[in-house]
Protein backbone atom coordinates (compact mmCIF):
# COMPACT_ATOMS: atom_id res chain seq x y z
CA UNK A 1 80.91 23.40 -27.32
CA UNK A 2 77.20 24.04 -26.73
CA UNK A 3 76.11 26.78 -29.13
CA UNK A 4 72.61 25.78 -30.25
CA UNK A 5 70.63 28.03 -27.92
CA UNK A 6 68.24 30.68 -29.20
CA UNK A 7 68.97 33.12 -26.39
CA UNK A 8 65.41 34.38 -26.01
CA UNK A 9 66.34 36.54 -23.01
CA UNK A 10 68.92 38.34 -25.16
CA UNK A 11 66.43 39.45 -27.79
CA UNK A 12 66.49 41.53 -29.94
CA UNK A 13 70.26 40.77 -30.16
CA UNK A 14 69.56 37.13 -30.95
CA UNK A 15 66.73 37.47 -33.45
CA UNK A 16 69.17 36.71 -36.27
CA UNK A 17 72.13 35.43 -34.24
CA UNK A 18 72.81 32.36 -32.09
CA UNK A 19 73.36 33.34 -28.48
CA UNK A 20 77.02 32.30 -28.76
CA UNK A 21 77.58 34.86 -31.53
CA UNK A 22 76.58 38.05 -29.73
CA UNK A 23 79.49 40.49 -29.92
CA UNK A 24 81.59 41.11 -26.83
CA UNK A 25 84.34 43.71 -27.09
CA UNK A 26 83.98 43.69 -30.87
CA UNK A 27 84.23 39.90 -31.37
CA UNK A 28 81.65 37.10 -31.17
CA UNK A 29 81.38 35.49 -27.75
CA UNK A 30 82.24 32.17 -29.37
CA UNK A 31 85.50 33.61 -30.73
CA UNK A 32 86.59 34.43 -27.17
CA UNK A 33 85.68 30.91 -26.06
CA UNK A 34 87.60 29.23 -28.90
CA UNK A 35 90.65 31.40 -28.14
CA UNK A 36 90.42 30.29 -24.49
CA UNK A 37 90.32 26.62 -25.54
CA UNK A 38 93.27 27.06 -27.90
CA UNK A 39 95.35 28.75 -25.18
CA UNK A 40 95.02 25.57 -23.13
CA UNK A 41 96.00 23.27 -25.98
CA UNK A 42 92.53 22.09 -26.99
CA UNK A 43 92.53 21.84 -30.77
CA UNK A 44 89.65 19.50 -31.72
CA UNK A 45 86.29 21.14 -31.04
CA UNK A 46 82.75 20.01 -31.80
CA UNK A 47 80.01 22.65 -31.88
CA UNK A 48 76.30 21.87 -31.85
CA UNK A 49 74.05 24.11 -33.92
CA UNK A 50 70.34 24.89 -34.15
CA UNK A 51 69.31 28.56 -34.22
CA UNK A 52 70.78 30.47 -37.21
CA UNK A 53 73.49 27.82 -37.74
CA UNK A 54 74.95 29.46 -40.87
CA UNK A 55 76.06 32.45 -38.81
CA UNK A 56 78.51 30.22 -36.96
CA UNK A 57 79.67 28.06 -39.87
CA UNK A 58 80.15 31.05 -42.19
CA UNK A 59 82.21 32.92 -39.59
CA UNK A 60 84.43 30.11 -38.31
CA UNK A 61 84.55 27.65 -41.21
CA UNK A 62 86.85 24.75 -40.34
CA UNK A 63 88.25 26.64 -37.34
CA UNK A 64 91.80 26.98 -38.66
CA UNK A 65 91.78 30.77 -38.36
CA UNK A 66 90.96 30.32 -34.66
CA UNK A 67 93.68 27.74 -34.08
CA UNK A 68 91.28 24.78 -33.78
CA UNK A 69 89.65 22.08 -35.92
CA UNK A 70 85.84 22.29 -35.80
CA UNK A 71 83.29 19.52 -36.28
CA UNK A 72 79.70 20.75 -36.53
CA UNK A 73 76.59 18.92 -35.31
CA UNK A 74 73.27 20.36 -36.50
CA UNK A 75 70.23 19.59 -34.34
CA UNK A 76 66.87 19.84 -36.09
CA UNK A 77 65.33 19.86 -32.64
CA UNK A 78 67.23 20.77 -29.51
CA UNK A 79 68.65 17.79 -27.64
CA UNK A 80 69.82 19.51 -24.44
CA UNK A 81 73.35 19.75 -23.10
CA UNK A 82 73.78 15.99 -22.65
CA UNK A 83 71.76 14.96 -25.70
CA UNK A 84 74.09 17.10 -27.81
CA UNK A 85 77.10 15.21 -26.44
CA UNK A 86 75.44 11.82 -27.02
CA UNK A 87 74.88 12.75 -30.68
CA UNK A 88 78.65 13.37 -30.93
CA UNK A 89 79.55 10.04 -29.32
CA UNK A 90 81.87 8.95 -32.13
CA UNK A 91 83.77 12.25 -31.85
CA UNK A 92 84.09 12.05 -28.06
CA UNK A 93 84.88 8.35 -27.61
CA UNK A 94 88.70 8.48 -27.64
CA UNK A 95 89.32 10.01 -24.22
CA UNK A 96 88.08 12.45 -21.60
CA UNK A 97 86.16 15.31 -23.16
CA UNK A 98 85.37 18.85 -22.12
CA UNK A 99 81.87 20.32 -22.23
CA UNK A 100 81.69 24.12 -22.29
CA UNK A 101 78.55 26.21 -22.50
CA UNK A 102 78.54 28.70 -25.34
CA UNK A 103 77.08 31.49 -23.21
CA UNK A 104 79.76 31.37 -20.48
CA UNK A 105 82.59 33.88 -20.74
CA UNK A 106 85.55 32.84 -18.60
CA UNK A 107 89.31 32.72 -18.25
CA UNK A 108 89.35 29.79 -15.82
CA UNK A 109 92.46 27.63 -15.86
CA UNK A 110 91.44 24.66 -18.01
CA UNK A 111 94.89 23.11 -17.65
CA UNK A 112 94.43 22.95 -13.88
CA UNK A 113 90.88 21.59 -14.20
CA UNK A 114 92.03 18.83 -16.55
CA UNK A 115 94.94 17.94 -14.25
CA UNK A 116 92.56 17.70 -11.27
CA UNK A 117 90.24 15.42 -13.25
CA UNK A 118 93.05 13.13 -14.42
CA UNK A 119 94.35 12.82 -10.85
CA UNK A 120 90.90 11.83 -9.58
CA UNK A 121 90.45 9.29 -12.39
CA UNK A 122 93.83 7.77 -11.58
CA UNK A 123 93.00 7.54 -7.87
CA UNK A 124 89.34 6.53 -8.03
CA UNK A 125 88.08 3.54 -10.03
CA UNK A 126 85.07 4.54 -12.08
CA UNK A 127 85.50 8.31 -11.64
CA UNK A 128 83.20 9.73 -14.29
CA UNK A 129 83.29 13.51 -14.38
CA UNK A 130 84.57 16.72 -12.81
CA UNK A 131 82.52 19.91 -12.69
CA UNK A 132 84.03 23.36 -12.42
CA UNK A 133 82.17 25.14 -9.63
CA UNK A 134 81.82 28.79 -8.72
CA UNK A 135 80.50 30.64 -5.71
CA UNK A 136 77.19 32.41 -6.25
CA UNK A 137 75.54 35.27 -4.39
CA UNK A 138 72.07 33.90 -5.20
CA UNK A 139 72.04 30.20 -4.20
CA UNK A 140 68.25 29.93 -4.35
CA UNK A 141 68.30 30.74 -8.08
CA UNK A 142 70.77 28.07 -9.25
CA UNK A 143 71.58 24.39 -8.91
CA UNK A 144 73.82 23.77 -5.89
CA UNK A 145 76.55 21.13 -5.61
CA UNK A 146 77.71 19.58 -2.32
CA UNK A 147 81.29 18.30 -1.87
CA UNK A 148 83.10 16.20 0.70
CA UNK A 149 86.64 16.91 1.90
CA UNK A 150 88.19 15.15 -1.11
CA UNK A 151 86.17 17.15 -3.63
CA UNK A 152 83.79 14.29 -4.36
CA UNK A 153 80.24 15.41 -5.11
CA UNK A 154 77.73 14.29 -2.50
CA UNK A 155 74.53 15.92 -3.72
CA UNK A 156 72.82 18.16 -6.25
CA UNK A 157 69.94 20.45 -5.43
CA UNK A 158 68.25 22.54 -8.08
CA UNK A 159 67.01 26.02 -7.05
CA UNK A 160 66.52 25.28 -3.34
CA UNK A 161 64.21 27.09 -0.98
CA UNK A 162 66.06 29.45 1.40
CA UNK A 163 65.91 26.93 4.25
CA UNK A 164 67.39 24.23 1.96
CA UNK A 165 70.57 26.15 1.02
CA UNK A 166 73.63 24.18 2.16
CA UNK A 167 76.40 25.76 0.05
CA UNK A 168 77.08 28.59 -2.36
CA UNK A 169 78.84 26.36 -4.92
CA UNK A 170 77.12 25.95 -8.29
CA UNK A 171 77.86 24.43 -11.67
CA UNK A 172 80.00 26.86 -13.68
CA UNK A 173 79.02 25.42 -17.07
CA UNK A 174 82.38 23.73 -17.71
CA UNK A 175 82.88 20.02 -17.07
CA UNK A 176 85.25 17.19 -17.96
CA UNK A 177 83.80 13.72 -18.48
CA UNK A 178 84.98 10.24 -19.29
CA UNK A 179 83.58 8.57 -22.43
CA UNK A 180 81.59 6.09 -20.31
CA UNK A 181 79.32 8.98 -19.30
CA UNK A 182 77.93 8.97 -22.83
CA UNK A 183 76.40 5.55 -22.19
CA UNK A 184 74.21 7.09 -19.48
CA UNK A 185 72.61 9.49 -21.99
CA UNK A 186 69.59 8.30 -24.00
CA UNK A 187 70.24 8.31 -27.73
CA UNK A 188 68.24 10.81 -29.77
CA UNK A 189 66.34 12.20 -26.79
CA UNK A 190 66.49 15.49 -24.90
CA UNK A 191 68.74 15.23 -21.84
CA UNK A 192 70.47 17.76 -19.62
CA UNK A 193 73.73 17.13 -17.75
CA UNK A 194 72.79 19.13 -14.67
CA UNK A 195 69.17 18.01 -14.37
CA UNK A 196 69.23 14.45 -15.67
CA UNK A 197 72.56 12.75 -16.32
CA UNK A 198 74.81 13.83 -13.46
CA UNK A 199 72.19 13.33 -10.71
CA UNK A 200 71.45 9.92 -12.23
CA UNK A 201 75.11 8.94 -12.16
CA UNK A 202 75.44 10.15 -8.57
CA UNK A 203 72.39 8.12 -7.54
CA UNK A 204 73.95 5.06 -9.18
CA UNK A 205 77.12 5.53 -7.13
CA UNK A 206 79.42 6.83 -9.87
CA UNK A 207 82.23 8.98 -8.44
CA UNK A 208 81.80 12.60 -9.53
CA UNK A 209 84.05 15.46 -8.47
CA UNK A 210 83.82 19.21 -8.16
CA UNK A 211 86.63 21.72 -8.72
CA UNK A 212 85.92 25.14 -7.17
CA UNK A 213 87.49 27.70 -9.47
CA UNK A 214 90.22 29.78 -7.82
CA UNK A 215 89.49 33.23 -6.48
CA UNK A 216 90.09 35.89 -9.09
CA UNK A 217 88.88 33.77 -12.00
CA UNK A 218 86.47 35.55 -14.32
CA UNK A 219 83.24 33.70 -15.08
CA UNK A 220 80.00 35.21 -16.35
CA UNK A 221 76.92 33.49 -17.73
CA UNK A 222 75.70 35.86 -20.45
CA UNK A 223 72.06 34.83 -20.25
CA UNK A 224 70.34 38.20 -20.04
CA UNK A 225 70.69 41.71 -21.39
CA UNK A 226 71.88 42.84 -17.96
CA UNK A 227 74.67 40.23 -17.93
CA UNK A 228 75.52 41.08 -21.53
CA UNK A 229 76.00 44.73 -20.59
CA UNK A 230 78.16 43.61 -17.65
CA UNK A 231 80.37 41.58 -20.01
CA UNK A 232 80.79 44.57 -22.31
CA UNK A 233 82.02 46.63 -19.36
CA UNK A 234 84.25 44.05 -17.72
CA UNK A 235 85.75 41.82 -20.39
CA UNK A 236 87.87 44.46 -22.18
CA UNK A 237 89.42 45.43 -18.83
CA UNK A 238 90.02 41.77 -17.97
CA UNK A 239 91.55 40.98 -21.37
CA UNK A 240 93.81 44.04 -21.22
CA UNK A 241 95.05 43.12 -17.76
CA UNK A 242 95.81 39.57 -18.91
CA UNK A 243 97.85 40.81 -21.87
CA UNK A 244 99.81 43.20 -19.66
CA UNK A 245 100.36 40.48 -17.09
């Protein structure tokens, strides 16, 4: 779980809070994310920390009250999404691991994503990772992901010019990776999955897959005050409908 960000675009909310701890519907964003993980049977969670780390550790402790077991990883300097995972190599070595961004609020079906990944690993020697993908209305503002008919990733393109747009599928901020991916991340250095590691693996011929999330799935990157206000409007309605359903 990536929760080290300062959330500068959410200030003043994040002056004394990590971005992952901003309240949504009366609970920290991270509490909603941990509940989502627990619903899909994920019990062992590692969380990286940097900005105001005590806010997270004091609230969640060992994670038992949230139905999980938490390992914390404090970063004196930010290591990026992939660098954070590399620092937790001993924790992640035993099997496929999930990377979730601590500013993404979603109810996507993790069980289905994990099943898709396992099927691709079983069918494709060397399959390294599966990215959850979502359709975006603003493809020139995000990193796009190209797929073939089997769901294998064919290309990445970060923030293309209008004439370069070839899809509306983008990284949703949730991915499943095999432990071997950790070996492609430099130890102790800043590295980003989307910008550095995954494009490097693709260039080296490693099989990577994309899983477009089903229609009707809720997914919102709470990276700005506008998106935060949207989450406050929408999430209570979404959560209520899920309970009734």
